[in-house]
Structures are given as C-alpha cells and as structure tokens.
Amino acid sequence: METRSIGLEPIDCARKLVDVASDKQAADILLLDIRHLGVFTDFFVIMTADNRRLMNALQQDMVDVLKQAGTRLHHLEGTAESGWMLLDFGDVIVHLFAPEERAYYRLEEVWSKGQQMVRIQ
C-alpha cells in the first residue's frame, strides 16, 4: 500500500508515532507489523489514553508530527468521548483507546499473528 506524500517509509512513520505516544505518556503502546496478514495497511500502533484530554492531545500531536514529516492523515474515526479513535495514515493505522474500550476490543488478540516490534508498558 503506497500512500506516502514524501519520504517517510511506513516503519519510520510507525516509529515516529510510537515516539509521540511515549513522549505524551500513552500507556501500553504496541507496534504490530501486519504486512503478512493483509493488504490494507502495514502496521498498527495501539495505545491507551487514561482520559479524554490525553486522547485528544495524542491525536492532534500525531497528526501534526506526521504532517511536518510529509505524511497526511487520510481518515479519522471515533472521538475521545466514545473511548476509541482510529487514525488512518495509509501504511500505518493508529488505534487509540480508553482503558475499557481497549479491554473490550482486544485487538492484540484479534491480530495476535502480527509481529510485535515494540511494546512499551
């Protein structure tokens, strides 16, 4: 899936998102390589935000950091109020959850055949 505007490779984009999440104090950050499992994206970045304010800040900072690097957000779903946000950067999809929603959807289990590249707890 080729959607980059400028030079960021998908793995560099994913790692940059992990860095933003870590810097902003997201919890239980997971970078999954799912290239061998489907064709719709290369990587998932999954994380938990303990409150709505943090969730909104994470979303905005991720969009801003990648925009500065030449990668744009293609699609946004969900809201902080719903407890789940999906940020689609093409080759990388971010799942940003409140704790309850993360436990409910259990994406780590659904995509357990993906390769864990980074886990920050």
PDB file of N, CA and C in Angstrom:
ATOM      1  N   MET A   1       0.856  -1.179   0.000  1.00  0.00           N
ATOM      2  CA  MET A   1       0.000   0.000   0.000  1.00  0.00           C
ATOM      3  C   MET A   1       0.889   1.226   0.000  1.00  0.00           C
ATOM      4  N   GLU A   2       0.864   2.007  -1.025  1.00  0.00           N
ATOM      5  CA  GLU A   2       1.743   3.164  -1.175  1.00  0.00           C
ATOM      6  C   GLU A   2       0.935   4.441  -1.045  1.00  0.00           C
ATOM      7  N   THR A   3       1.080   5.145   0.069  1.00  0.00           N
ATOM      8  CA  THR A   3       0.309   6.361   0.276  1.00  0.00           C
ATOM      9  C   THR A   3       1.163   7.512   0.799  1.00  0.00           C
ATOM     10  N   ARG A   4       2.462   7.349   0.857  1.00  0.00           N
ATOM     11  CA  ARG A   4       3.319   8.398   1.385  1.00  0.00           C
ATOM     12  C   ARG A   4       3.337   9.594   0.449  1.00  0.00           C
ATOM     13  N   SER A   5       3.307  10.791   1.024  1.00  0.00           N
ATOM     14  CA  SER A   5       3.389  12.012   0.250  1.00  0.00           C
ATOM     15  C   SER A   5       4.844  12.332  -0.080  1.00  0.00           C
ATOM     16  N   ILE A   6       5.701  12.211   0.915  1.00  0.00           N
ATOM     17  CA  ILE A   6       7.126  12.471   0.739  1.00  0.00           C
ATOM     18  C   ILE A   6       7.858  11.253   1.265  1.00  0.00           C
ATOM     19  N   GLY A   7       9.054  11.431   1.812  1.00  0.00           N
ATOM     20  CA  GLY A   7       9.959  10.346   2.059  1.00  0.00           C
ATOM     21  C   GLY A   7       9.788   9.422   3.231  1.00  0.00           C
ATOM     22  N   LEU A   8       8.818   9.577   4.112  1.00  0.00           N
ATOM     23  CA  LEU A   8       8.753   8.681   5.268  1.00  0.00           C
ATOM     24  C   LEU A   8       8.348   7.272   4.859  1.00  0.00           C
ATOM     25  N   GLU A   9       9.198   6.323   5.191  1.00  0.00           N
ATOM     26  CA  GLU A   9       8.858   4.915   4.988  1.00  0.00           C
ATOM     27  C   GLU A   9       7.826   4.528   6.042  1.00  0.00           C
ATOM     28  N   PRO A  10       7.000   3.530   5.776  1.00  0.00           N
ATOM     29  CA  PRO A  10       5.980   3.133   6.755  1.00  0.00           C
ATOM     30  C   PRO A  10       6.545   2.812   8.131  1.00  0.00           C
ATOM     31  N   ILE A  11       7.661   2.106   8.212  1.00  0.00           N
ATOM     32  CA  ILE A  11       8.220   1.770   9.517  1.00  0.00           C
ATOM     33  C   ILE A  11       8.693   3.019  10.246  1.00  0.00           C
ATOM     34  N   ASP A  12       9.232   3.989   9.519  1.00  0.00           N
ATOM     35  CA  ASP A  12       9.658   5.243  10.145  1.00  0.00           C
ATOM     36  C   ASP A  12       8.456   6.029  10.656  1.00  0.00           C
ATOM     37  N   CYS A  13       7.395   6.019   9.896  1.00  0.00           N
ATOM     38  CA  CYS A  13       6.143   6.652  10.310  1.00  0.00           C
ATOM     39  C   CYS A  13       5.626   5.995  11.587  1.00  0.00           C
ATOM     40  N   ALA A  14       5.608   4.681  11.622  1.00  0.00           N
ATOM     41  CA  ALA A  14       5.125   3.946  12.789  1.00  0.00           C
ATOM     42  C   ALA A  14       5.986   4.235  14.015  1.00  0.00           C
ATOM     43  N   ARG A  15       7.283   4.248  13.839  1.00  0.00           N
ATOM     44  CA  ARG A  15       8.180   4.509  14.971  1.00  0.00           C
ATOM     45  C   ARG A  15       8.029   5.942  15.478  1.00  0.00           C
ATOM     46  N   LYS A  16       7.799   6.874  14.574  1.00  0.00           N
ATOM     47  CA  LYS A  16       7.578   8.259  14.970  1.00  0.00           C
ATOM     48  C   LYS A  16       6.298   8.367  15.804  1.00  0.00           C
ATOM     49  N   LEU A  17       5.269   7.631  15.421  1.00  0.00           N
ATOM     50  CA  LEU A  17       4.023   7.621  16.180  1.00  0.00           C
ATOM     51  C   LEU A  17       4.216   7.008  17.561  1.00  0.00           C
ATOM     52  N   VAL A  18       5.013   5.954  17.649  1.00  0.00           N
ATOM     53  CA  VAL A  18       5.330   5.350  18.942  1.00  0.00           C
ATOM     54  C   VAL A  18       6.067   6.362  19.814  1.00  0.00           C
ATOM     55  N   ASP A  19       6.996   7.101  19.228  1.00  0.00           N
ATOM     56  CA  ASP A  19       7.731   8.122  19.985  1.00  0.00           C
ATOM     57  C   ASP A  19       6.799   9.196  20.532  1.00  0.00           C
ATOM     58  N   VAL A  20       5.878   9.673  19.697  1.00  0.00           N
ATOM     59  CA  VAL A  20       4.910  10.684  20.147  1.00  0.00           C
ATOM     60  C   VAL A  20       4.083  10.126  21.295  1.00  0.00           C
ATOM     61  N   ALA A  21       3.599   8.908  21.142  1.00  0.00           N
ATOM     62  CA  ALA A  21       2.783   8.279  22.185  1.00  0.00           C
ATOM     63  C   ALA A  21       3.559   8.164  23.490  1.00  0.00           C
ATOM     64  N   SER A  22       4.801   7.749  23.404  1.00  0.00           N
ATOM     65  CA  SER A  22       5.638   7.594  24.594  1.00  0.00           C
ATOM     66  C   SER A  22       5.907   8.953  25.241  1.00  0.00           C
ATOM     67  N   ASP A  23       6.244   9.937  24.423  1.00  0.00           N
ATOM     68  CA  ASP A  23       6.517  11.283  24.939  1.00  0.00           C
ATOM     69  C   ASP A  23       5.301  11.885  25.630  1.00  0.00           C
ATOM     70  N   LYS A  24       4.117  11.580  25.116  1.00  0.00           N
ATOM     71  CA  LYS A  24       2.867  12.136  25.668  1.00  0.00           C
ATOM     72  C   LYS A  24       2.282  11.277  26.785  1.00  0.00           C
ATOM     73  N   GLN A  25       2.974  10.198  27.158  1.00  0.00           N
ATOM     74  CA  GLN A  25       2.583   9.358  28.282  1.00  0.00           C
ATOM     75  C   GLN A  25       1.362   8.471  28.016  1.00  0.00           C
ATOM     76  N   ALA A  26       1.214   8.031  26.769  1.00  0.00           N
ATOM     77  CA  ALA A  26       0.222   6.997  26.493  1.00  0.00           C
ATOM     78  C   ALA A  26       0.666   5.728  27.215  1.00  0.00           C
ATOM     79  N   ALA A  27      -0.269   4.838  27.481  1.00  0.00           N
ATOM     80  CA  ALA A  27       0.041   3.599  28.202  1.00  0.00           C
ATOM     81  C   ALA A  27      -0.022   2.412  27.248  1.00  0.00           C
ATOM     82  N   ASP A  28       0.731   1.384  27.572  1.00  0.00           N
ATOM     83  CA  ASP A  28       0.704   0.102  26.872  1.00  0.00           C
ATOM     84  C   ASP A  28       0.728   0.284  25.347  1.00  0.00           C
ATOM     85  N   ILE A  29       1.815   0.838  24.870  1.00  0.00           N
ATOM     86  CA  ILE A  29       1.986   1.138  23.445  1.00  0.00           C
ATOM     87  C   ILE A  29       2.500  -0.110  22.733  1.00  0.00           C
ATOM     88  N   LEU A  30       1.849  -0.461  21.644  1.00  0.00           N
ATOM     89  CA  LEU A  30       2.208  -1.653  20.891  1.00  0.00           C
ATOM     90  C   LEU A  30       2.318  -1.310  19.411  1.00  0.00           C
ATOM     91  N   LEU A  31       3.432  -1.689  18.808  1.00  0.00           N
ATOM     92  CA  LEU A  31       3.622  -1.568  17.364  1.00  0.00           C
ATOM     93  C   LEU A  31       3.609  -2.967  16.783  1.00  0.00           C
ATOM     94  N   LEU A  32       2.627  -3.227  15.919  1.00  0.00           N
ATOM     95  CA  LEU A  32       2.462  -4.533  15.285  1.00  0.00           C
ATOM     96  C   LEU A  32       2.740  -4.437  13.791  1.00  0.00           C
ATOM     97  N   ASP A  33       3.561  -5.343  13.295  1.00  0.00           N
ATOM     98  CA  ASP A  33       3.788  -5.499  11.863  1.00  0.00           C
ATOM     99  C   ASP A  33       2.766  -6.510  11.360  1.00  0.00           C
ATOM    100  N   ILE A  34       1.846  -6.056  10.517  1.00  0.00           N
ATOM    101  CA  ILE A  34       0.813  -6.949   9.998  1.00  0.00           C
ATOM    102  C   ILE A  34       0.885  -7.068   8.472  1.00  0.00           C
ATOM    103  N   ARG A  35       2.042  -6.762   7.902  1.00  0.00           N
ATOM    104  CA  ARG A  35       2.181  -6.815   6.442  1.00  0.00           C
ATOM    105  C   ARG A  35       1.850  -8.182   5.866  1.00  0.00           C
ATOM    106  N   HIS A  36       2.168  -9.235   6.574  1.00  0.00           N
ATOM    107  CA  HIS A  36       1.921 -10.588   6.062  1.00  0.00           C
ATOM    108  C   HIS A  36       0.490 -11.067   6.318  1.00  0.00           C
ATOM    109  N   LEU A  37      -0.327 -10.242   6.966  1.00  0.00           N
ATOM    110  CA  LEU A  37      -1.690 -10.657   7.311  1.00  0.00           C
ATOM    111  C   LEU A  37      -2.775 -10.010   6.453  1.00  0.00           C
ATOM    112  N   GLY A  38      -2.438  -8.965   5.729  1.00  0.00           N
ATOM    113  CA  GLY A  38      -3.447  -8.279   4.927  1.00  0.00           C
ATOM    114  C   GLY A  38      -2.824  -7.261   4.011  1.00  0.00           C
ATOM    115  N   VAL A  39      -3.653  -6.679   3.181  1.00  0.00           N
ATOM    116  CA  VAL A  39      -3.137  -5.719   2.201  1.00  0.00           C
ATOM    117  C   VAL A  39      -3.587  -4.287   2.479  1.00  0.00           C
ATOM    118  N   PHE A  40      -4.396  -4.071   3.502  1.00  0.00           N
ATOM    119  CA  PHE A  40      -4.954  -2.736   3.725  1.00  0.00           C
ATOM    120  C   PHE A  40      -4.024  -1.789   4.464  1.00  0.00           C
ATOM    121  N   THR A  41      -3.038  -2.311   5.190  1.00  0.00           N
ATOM    122  CA  THR A  41      -2.060  -1.484   5.893  1.00  0.00           C
ATOM    123  C   THR A  41      -0.857  -2.349   6.253  1.00  0.00           C
ATOM    124  N   ASP A  42       0.224  -1.694   6.657  1.00  0.00           N
ATOM    125  CA  ASP A  42       1.441  -2.416   7.034  1.00  0.00           C
ATOM    126  C   ASP A  42       1.596  -2.580   8.548  1.00  0.00           C
ATOM    127  N   PHE A  43       1.226  -1.535   9.290  1.00  0.00           N
ATOM    128  CA  PHE A  43       1.478  -1.518  10.729  1.00  0.00           C
ATOM    129  C   PHE A  43       0.264  -0.996  11.491  1.00  0.00           C
ATOM    130  N   PHE A  44       0.072  -1.545  12.683  1.00  0.00           N
ATOM    131  CA  PHE A  44      -0.859  -0.999  13.666  1.00  0.00           C
ATOM    132  C   PHE A  44      -0.026  -0.436  14.811  1.00  0.00           C
ATOM    133  N   VAL A  45      -0.426   0.725  15.295  1.00  0.00           N
ATOM    134  CA  VAL A  45       0.092   1.258  16.548  1.00  0.00           C
ATOM    135  C   VAL A  45      -1.117   1.344  17.471  1.00  0.00           C
ATOM    136  N   ILE A  46      -1.070   0.600  18.568  1.00  0.00           N
ATOM    137  CA  ILE A  46      -2.182   0.515  19.510  1.00  0.00           C
ATOM    138  C   ILE A  46      -1.714   1.087  20.842  1.00  0.00           C
ATOM    139  N   MET A  47      -2.573   1.909  21.457  1.00  0.00           N
ATOM    140  CA  MET A  47      -2.191   2.519  22.735  1.00  0.00           C
ATOM    141  C   MET A  47      -3.423   2.851  23.554  1.00  0.00           C
ATOM    142  N   THR A  48      -3.192   3.157  24.817  1.00  0.00           N
ATOM    143  CA  THR A  48      -4.252   3.531  25.740  1.00  0.00           C
ATOM    144  C   THR A  48      -3.987   4.934  26.273  1.00  0.00           C
ATOM    145  N   ALA A  49      -5.065   5.720  26.338  1.00  0.00           N
ATOM    146  CA  ALA A  49      -5.024   7.041  26.968  1.00  0.00           C
ATOM    147  C   ALA A  49      -5.976   7.013  28.154  1.00  0.00           C
ATOM    148  N   ASP A  50      -5.508   7.473  29.290  1.00  0.00           N
ATOM    149  CA  ASP A  50      -6.286   7.360  30.524  1.00  0.00           C
ATOM    150  C   ASP A  50      -7.438   8.353  30.639  1.00  0.00           C
ATOM    151  N   ASN A  51      -7.449   9.384  29.776  1.00  0.00           N
ATOM    152  CA  ASN A  51      -8.543  10.350  29.844  1.00  0.00           C
ATOM    153  C   ASN A  51      -8.756  11.012  28.479  1.00  0.00           C
ATOM    154  N   ARG A  52      -9.878  11.676  28.339  1.00  0.00           N
ATOM    155  CA  ARG A  52     -10.249  12.296  27.054  1.00  0.00           C
ATOM    156  C   ARG A  52      -9.263  13.375  26.627  1.00  0.00           C
ATOM    157  N   ARG A  53      -8.812  14.161  27.584  1.00  0.00           N
ATOM    158  CA  ARG A  53      -7.882  15.238  27.255  1.00  0.00           C
ATOM    159  C   ARG A  53      -6.596  14.677  26.654  1.00  0.00           C
ATOM    160  N   LEU A  54      -6.078  13.618  27.254  1.00  0.00           N
ATOM    161  CA  LEU A  54      -4.872  12.981  26.727  1.00  0.00           C
ATOM    162  C   LEU A  54      -5.138  12.384  25.355  1.00  0.00           C
ATOM    163  N   MET A  55      -6.284  11.765  25.179  1.00  0.00           N
ATOM    164  CA  MET A  55      -6.618  11.166  23.891  1.00  0.00           C
ATOM    165  C   MET A  55      -6.641  12.227  22.788  1.00  0.00           C
ATOM    166  N   ASN A  56      -7.272  13.359  23.065  1.00  0.00           N
ATOM    167  CA  ASN A  56      -7.316  14.445  22.080  1.00  0.00           C
ATOM    168  C   ASN A  56      -5.925  15.014  21.803  1.00  0.00           C
ATOM    169  N   ALA A  57      -5.114  15.157  22.850  1.00  0.00           N
ATOM    170  CA  ALA A  57      -3.756  15.674  22.680  1.00  0.00           C
ATOM    171  C   ALA A  57      -2.903  14.720  21.850  1.00  0.00           C
ATOM    172  N   LEU A  58      -3.012  13.424  22.111  1.00  0.00           N
ATOM    173  CA  LEU A  58      -2.280  12.427  21.332  1.00  0.00           C
ATOM    174  C   LEU A  58      -2.669  12.486  19.862  1.00  0.00           C
ATOM    175  N   GLN A  59      -3.954  12.523  19.611  1.00  0.00           N
ATOM    176  CA  GLN A  59      -4.441  12.568  18.226  1.00  0.00           C
ATOM    177  C   GLN A  59      -3.884  13.789  17.508  1.00  0.00           C
ATOM    178  N   GLN A  60      -3.978  14.951  18.131  1.00  0.00           N
ATOM    179  CA  GLN A  60      -3.523  16.187  17.487  1.00  0.00           C
ATOM    180  C   GLN A  60      -2.010  16.185  17.270  1.00  0.00           C
ATOM    181  N   ASP A  61      -1.260  15.749  18.260  1.00  0.00           N
ATOM    182  CA  ASP A  61       0.202  15.726  18.128  1.00  0.00           C
ATOM    183  C   ASP A  61       0.649  14.742  17.052  1.00  0.00           C
ATOM    184  N   MET A  62       0.006  13.599  16.961  1.00  0.00           N
ATOM    185  CA  MET A  62       0.371  12.630  15.930  1.00  0.00           C
ATOM    186  C   MET A  62       0.123  13.189  14.531  1.00  0.00           C
ATOM    187  N   VAL A  63      -1.010  13.811  14.356  1.00  0.00           N
ATOM    188  CA  VAL A  63      -1.323  14.417  13.058  1.00  0.00           C
ATOM    189  C   VAL A  63      -0.304  15.503  12.733  1.00  0.00           C
ATOM    190  N   ASP A  64       0.002  16.356  13.700  1.00  0.00           N
ATOM    191  CA  ASP A  64       0.943  17.459  13.474  1.00  0.00           C
ATOM    192  C   ASP A  64       2.347  16.964  13.157  1.00  0.00           C
ATOM    193  N   VAL A  65       2.849  15.999  13.934  1.00  0.00           N
ATOM    194  CA  VAL A  65       4.211  15.491  13.731  1.00  0.00           C
ATOM    195  C   VAL A  65       4.346  14.841  12.349  1.00  0.00           C
ATOM    196  N   LEU A  66       3.381  14.037  11.959  1.00  0.00           N
ATOM    197  CA  LEU A  66       3.477  13.384  10.655  1.00  0.00           C
ATOM    198  C   LEU A  66       3.259  14.361   9.510  1.00  0.00           C
ATOM    199  N   LYS A  67       2.417  15.348   9.725  1.00  0.00           N
ATOM    200  CA  LYS A  67       2.222  16.372   8.687  1.00  0.00           C
ATOM    201  C   LYS A  67       3.540  17.106   8.424  1.00  0.00           C
ATOM    202  N   GLN A  68       4.262  17.434   9.495  1.00  0.00           N
ATOM    203  CA  GLN A  68       5.567  18.086   9.346  1.00  0.00           C
ATOM    204  C   GLN A  68       6.559  17.195   8.618  1.00  0.00           C
ATOM    205  N   ALA A  69       6.381  15.887   8.736  1.00  0.00           N
ATOM    206  CA  ALA A  69       7.277  14.929   8.073  1.00  0.00           C
ATOM    207  C   ALA A  69       6.797  14.580   6.662  1.00  0.00           C
ATOM    208  N   GLY A  70       5.680  15.173   6.228  1.00  0.00           N
ATOM    209  CA  GLY A  70       5.198  14.952   4.874  1.00  0.00           C
ATOM    210  C   GLY A  70       4.189  13.840   4.717  1.00  0.00           C
ATOM    211  N   THR A  71       3.629  13.354   5.825  1.00  0.00           N
ATOM    212  CA  THR A  71       2.631  12.293   5.773  1.00  0.00           C
ATOM    213  C   THR A  71       1.318  12.842   6.304  1.00  0.00           C
ATOM    214  N   ARG A  72       0.271  12.668   5.547  1.00  0.00           N
ATOM    215  CA  ARG A  72      -1.004  13.246   5.971  1.00  0.00           C
ATOM    216  C   ARG A  72      -1.956  12.180   6.499  1.00  0.00           C
ATOM    217  N   LEU A  73      -2.875  12.635   7.327  1.00  0.00           N
ATOM    218  CA  LEU A  73      -3.941  11.784   7.842  1.00  0.00           C
ATOM    219  C   LEU A  73      -4.968  11.600   6.733  1.00  0.00           C
ATOM    220  N   HIS A  74      -5.283  10.340   6.431  1.00  0.00           N
ATOM    221  CA  HIS A  74      -6.273  10.049   5.395  1.00  0.00           C
ATOM    222  C   HIS A  74      -7.679  10.016   5.954  1.00  0.00           C
ATOM    223  N   HIS A  75      -7.806   9.510   7.172  1.00  0.00           N
ATOM    224  CA  HIS A  75      -9.147   9.313   7.718  1.00  0.00           C
ATOM    225  C   HIS A  75      -9.081   9.240   9.238  1.00  0.00           C
ATOM    226  N   LEU A  76     -10.065   9.805   9.881  1.00  0.00           N
ATOM    227  CA  LEU A  76     -10.181   9.756  11.339  1.00  0.00           C
ATOM    228  C   LEU A  76     -11.564   9.223  11.685  1.00  0.00           C
ATOM    229  N   GLU A  77     -11.618   8.261  12.579  1.00  0.00           N
ATOM    230  CA  GLU A  77     -12.893   7.733  13.071  1.00  0.00           C
ATOM    231  C   GLU A  77     -12.898   7.796  14.580  1.00  0.00           C
ATOM    232  N   GLY A  78     -14.089   7.885  15.148  1.00  0.00           N
ATOM    233  CA  GLY A  78     -14.251   7.881  16.587  1.00  0.00           C
ATOM    234  C   GLY A  78     -13.933   9.223  17.216  1.00  0.00           C
ATOM    235  N   THR A  79     -14.176   9.297  18.523  1.00  0.00           N
ATOM    236  CA  THR A  79     -13.919  10.514  19.301  1.00  0.00           C
ATOM    237  C   THR A  79     -13.390  10.117  20.670  1.00  0.00           C
ATOM    238  N   ALA A  80     -12.813  11.082  21.337  1.00  0.00           N
ATOM    239  CA  ALA A  80     -12.356  10.826  22.703  1.00  0.00           C
ATOM    240  C   ALA A  80     -13.541  10.450  23.588  1.00  0.00           C
ATOM    241  N   GLU A  81     -14.681  11.052  23.343  1.00  0.00           N
ATOM    242  CA  GLU A  81     -15.876  10.762  24.131  1.00  0.00           C
ATOM    243  C   GLU A  81     -16.342   9.315  23.955  1.00  0.00           C
ATOM    244  N   SER A  82     -16.101   8.738  22.788  1.00  0.00           N
ATOM    245  CA  SER A  82     -16.503   7.351  22.539  1.00  0.00           C
ATOM    246  C   SER A  82     -15.512   6.349  23.131  1.00  0.00           C
ATOM    247  N   GLY A  83     -14.316   6.830  23.489  1.00  0.00           N
ATOM    248  CA  GLY A  83     -13.301   5.946  24.058  1.00  0.00           C
ATOM    249  C   GLY A  83     -12.431   5.246  23.031  1.00  0.00           C
ATOM    250  N   TRP A  84     -12.583   5.595  21.752  1.00  0.00           N
ATOM    251  CA  TRP A  84     -11.791   4.969  20.701  1.00  0.00           C
ATOM    252  C   TRP A  84     -11.628   5.940  19.543  1.00  0.00           C
ATOM    253  N   MET A  85     -10.426   6.028  19.042  1.00  0.00           N
ATOM    254  CA  MET A  85     -10.143   6.814  17.851  1.00  0.00           C
ATOM    255  C   MET A  85      -9.249   5.986  16.935  1.00  0.00           C
ATOM    256  N   LEU A  86      -9.527   6.066  15.652  1.00  0.00           N
ATOM    257  CA  LEU A  86      -8.701   5.421  14.641  1.00  0.00           C
ATOM    258  C   LEU A  86      -8.143   6.517  13.760  1.00  0.00           C
ATOM    259  N   LEU A  87      -6.823   6.530  13.614  1.00  0.00           N
ATOM    260  CA  LEU A  87      -6.143   7.476  12.738  1.00  0.00           C
ATOM    261  C   LEU A  87      -5.515   6.678  11.611  1.00  0.00           C
ATOM    262  N   ASP A  88      -5.984   6.909  10.406  1.00  0.00           N
ATOM    263  CA  ASP A  88      -5.524   6.157   9.238  1.00  0.00           C
ATOM    264  C   ASP A  88      -4.522   7.005   8.462  1.00  0.00           C
ATOM    265  N   PHE A  89      -3.258   6.600   8.538  1.00  0.00           N
ATOM    266  CA  PHE A  89      -2.194   7.260   7.791  1.00  0.00           C
ATOM    267  C   PHE A  89      -1.800   6.429   6.568  1.00  0.00           C
ATOM    268  N   GLY A  90      -2.672   5.550   6.136  1.00  0.00           N
ATOM    269  CA  GLY A  90      -2.401   4.720   4.972  1.00  0.00           C
ATOM    270  C   GLY A  90      -1.639   3.466   5.352  1.00  0.00           C
ATOM    271  N   ASP A  91      -0.334   3.547   5.328  1.00  0.00           N
ATOM    272  CA  ASP A  91       0.513   2.400   5.648  1.00  0.00           C
ATOM    273  C   ASP A  91       0.553   2.087   7.141  1.00  0.00           C
ATOM    274  N   VAL A  92       0.079   3.033   7.955  1.00  0.00           N
ATOM    275  CA  VAL A  92       0.066   2.866   9.406  1.00  0.00           C
ATOM    276  C   VAL A  92      -1.302   3.307   9.927  1.00  0.00           C
ATOM    277  N   ILE A  93      -1.900   2.464  10.762  1.00  0.00           N
ATOM    278  CA  ILE A  93      -3.172   2.797  11.396  1.00  0.00           C
ATOM    279  C   ILE A  93      -2.967   2.817  12.902  1.00  0.00           C
ATOM    280  N   VAL A  94      -3.399   3.901  13.524  1.00  0.00           N
ATOM    281  CA  VAL A  94      -3.303   4.057  14.972  1.00  0.00           C
ATOM    282  C   VAL A  94      -4.667   3.766  15.582  1.00  0.00           C
ATOM    283  N   HIS A  95      -4.658   2.933  16.626  1.00  0.00           N
ATOM    284  CA  HIS A  95      -5.849   2.688  17.438  1.00  0.00           C
ATOM    285  C   HIS A  95      -5.573   3.281  18.809  1.00  0.00           C
ATOM    286  N   LEU A  96      -6.334   4.286  19.154  1.00  0.00           N
ATOM    287  CA  LEU A  96      -6.163   4.999  20.415  1.00  0.00           C
ATOM    288  C   LEU A  96      -7.392   4.711  21.270  1.00  0.00           C
ATOM    289  N   PHE A  97      -7.188   4.047  22.407  1.00  0.00           N
ATOM    290  CA  PHE A  97      -8.296   3.564  23.227  1.00  0.00           C
ATOM    291  C   PHE A  97      -8.281   4.150  24.629  1.00  0.00           C
ATOM    292  N   ALA A  98      -9.474   4.283  25.203  1.00  0.00           N
ATOM    293  CA  ALA A  98      -9.622   4.423  26.646  1.00  0.00           C
ATOM    294  C   ALA A  98      -9.438   3.007  27.218  1.00  0.00           C
ATOM    295  N   PRO A  99      -9.091   2.868  28.482  1.00  0.00           N
ATOM    296  CA  PRO A  99      -8.810   1.536  29.038  1.00  0.00           C
ATOM    297  C   PRO A  99      -9.946   0.525  28.857  1.00  0.00           C
ATOM    298  N   GLU A 100     -11.181   0.931  29.092  1.00  0.00           N
ATOM    299  CA  GLU A 100     -12.306  -0.008  28.997  1.00  0.00           C
ATOM    300  C   GLU A 100     -12.509  -0.504  27.573  1.00  0.00           C
ATOM    301  N   GLU A 101     -12.400   0.396  26.613  1.00  0.00           N
ATOM    302  CA  GLU A 101     -12.597   0.017  25.215  1.00  0.00           C
ATOM    303  C   GLU A 101     -11.465  -0.880  24.719  1.00  0.00           C
ATOM    304  N   ARG A 102     -10.256  -0.615  25.178  1.00  0.00           N
ATOM    305  CA  ARG A 102      -9.150  -1.484  24.770  1.00  0.00           C
ATOM    306  C   ARG A 102      -9.355  -2.903  25.286  1.00  0.00           C
ATOM    307  N   ALA A 103      -9.792  -3.009  26.522  1.00  0.00           N
ATOM    308  CA  ALA A 103     -10.053  -4.332  27.089  1.00  0.00           C
ATOM    309  C   ALA A 103     -11.202  -5.021  26.357  1.00  0.00           C
ATOM    310  N   TYR A 104     -12.185  -4.261  25.937  1.00  0.00           N
ATOM    311  CA  TYR A 104     -13.339  -4.835  25.243  1.00  0.00           C
ATOM    312  C   TYR A 104     -12.971  -5.339  23.846  1.00  0.00           C
ATOM    313  N   TYR A 105     -12.255  -4.511  23.064  1.00  0.00           N
ATOM    314  CA  TYR A 105     -11.962  -4.871  21.671  1.00  0.00           C
ATOM    315  C   TYR A 105     -10.790  -5.840  21.517  1.00  0.00           C
ATOM    316  N   ARG A 106      -9.868  -5.849  22.460  1.00  0.00           N
ATOM    317  CA  ARG A 106      -8.758  -6.813  22.498  1.00  0.00           C
ATOM    318  C   ARG A 106      -8.071  -7.007  21.138  1.00  0.00           C
ATOM    319  N   LEU A 107      -7.669  -5.912  20.523  1.00  0.00           N
ATOM    320  CA  LEU A 107      -7.040  -6.005  19.203  1.00  0.00           C
ATOM    321  C   LEU A 107      -5.772  -6.840  19.205  1.00  0.00           C
ATOM    322  N   GLU A 108      -5.056  -6.850  20.329  1.00  0.00           N
ATOM    323  CA  GLU A 108      -3.853  -7.670  20.407  1.00  0.00           C
ATOM    324  C   GLU A 108      -4.180  -9.143  20.174  1.00  0.00           C
ATOM    325  N   GLU A 109      -5.329  -9.578  20.644  1.00  0.00           N
ATOM    326  CA  GLU A 109      -5.735 -10.963  20.434  1.00  0.00           C
ATOM    327  C   GLU A 109      -6.224 -11.193  19.008  1.00  0.00           C
ATOM    328  N   VAL A 110      -7.000 -10.253  18.501  1.00  0.00           N
ATOM    329  CA  VAL A 110      -7.520 -10.370  17.135  1.00  0.00           C
ATOM    330  C   VAL A 110      -6.376 -10.443  16.128  1.00  0.00           C
ATOM    331  N   TRP A 111      -5.344  -9.653  16.353  1.00  0.00           N
ATOM    332  CA  TRP A 111      -4.198  -9.582  15.436  1.00  0.00           C
ATOM    333  C   TRP A 111      -2.973 -10.259  16.045  1.00  0.00           C
ATOM    334  N   SER A 112      -3.172 -11.326  16.796  1.00  0.00           N
ATOM    335  CA  SER A 112      -2.077 -11.990  17.515  1.00  0.00           C
ATOM    336  C   SER A 112      -1.020 -12.595  16.590  1.00  0.00           C
ATOM    337  N   LYS A 113      -1.341 -12.787  15.325  1.00  0.00           N
ATOM    338  CA  LYS A 113      -0.344 -13.315  14.392  1.00  0.00           C
ATOM    339  C   LYS A 113       0.565 -12.223  13.841  1.00  0.00           C
ATOM    340  N   GLY A 114       0.282 -10.975  14.204  1.00  0.00           N
ATOM    341  CA  GLY A 114       1.170  -9.884  13.820  1.00  0.00           C
ATOM    342  C   GLY A 114       2.451  -9.942  14.648  1.00  0.00           C
ATOM    343  N   GLN A 115       3.517  -9.416  14.081  1.00  0.00           N
ATOM    344  CA  GLN A 115       4.809  -9.417  14.786  1.00  0.00           C
ATOM    345  C   GLN A 115       4.910  -8.194  15.673  1.00  0.00           C
ATOM    346  N   GLN A 116       5.081  -8.415  16.981  1.00  0.00           N
ATOM    347  CA  GLN A 116       5.277  -7.307  17.901  1.00  0.00           C
ATOM    348  C   GLN A 116       6.662  -6.733  17.687  1.00  0.00           C
ATOM    349  N   MET A 117       6.727  -5.482  17.289  1.00  0.00           N
ATOM    350  CA  MET A 117       8.011  -4.833  17.038  1.00  0.00           C
ATOM    351  C   MET A 117       8.449  -3.973  18.228  1.00  0.00           C
ATOM    352  N   VAL A 118       7.469  -3.355  18.892  1.00  0.00           N
ATOM    353  CA  VAL A 118       7.737  -2.522  20.060  1.00  0.00           C
ATOM    354  C   VAL A 118       6.588  -2.732  21.032  1.00  0.00           C
ATOM    355  N   ARG A 119       6.932  -2.831  22.311  1.00  0.00           N
ATOM    356  CA  ARG A 119       5.917  -2.856  23.371  1.00  0.00           C
ATOM    357  C   ARG A 119       6.431  -2.031  24.514  1.00  0.00           C
ATOM    358  N   ILE A 120       5.733  -0.964  24.840  1.00  0.00           N
ATOM    359  CA  ILE A 120       6.103  -0.089  25.960  1.00  0.00           C
ATOM    360  C   ILE A 120       4.938  -0.098  26.927  1.00  0.00           C
ATOM    361  N   GLN A 121       5.189  -0.638  28.126  1.00  0.00           N
ATOM    362  CA  GLN A 121       4.091  -0.736  29.102  1.00  0.00           C
ATOM    363  C   GLN A 121       4.228   0.213  30.234  1.00  0.00           C
TER     364      GLN A 121
END
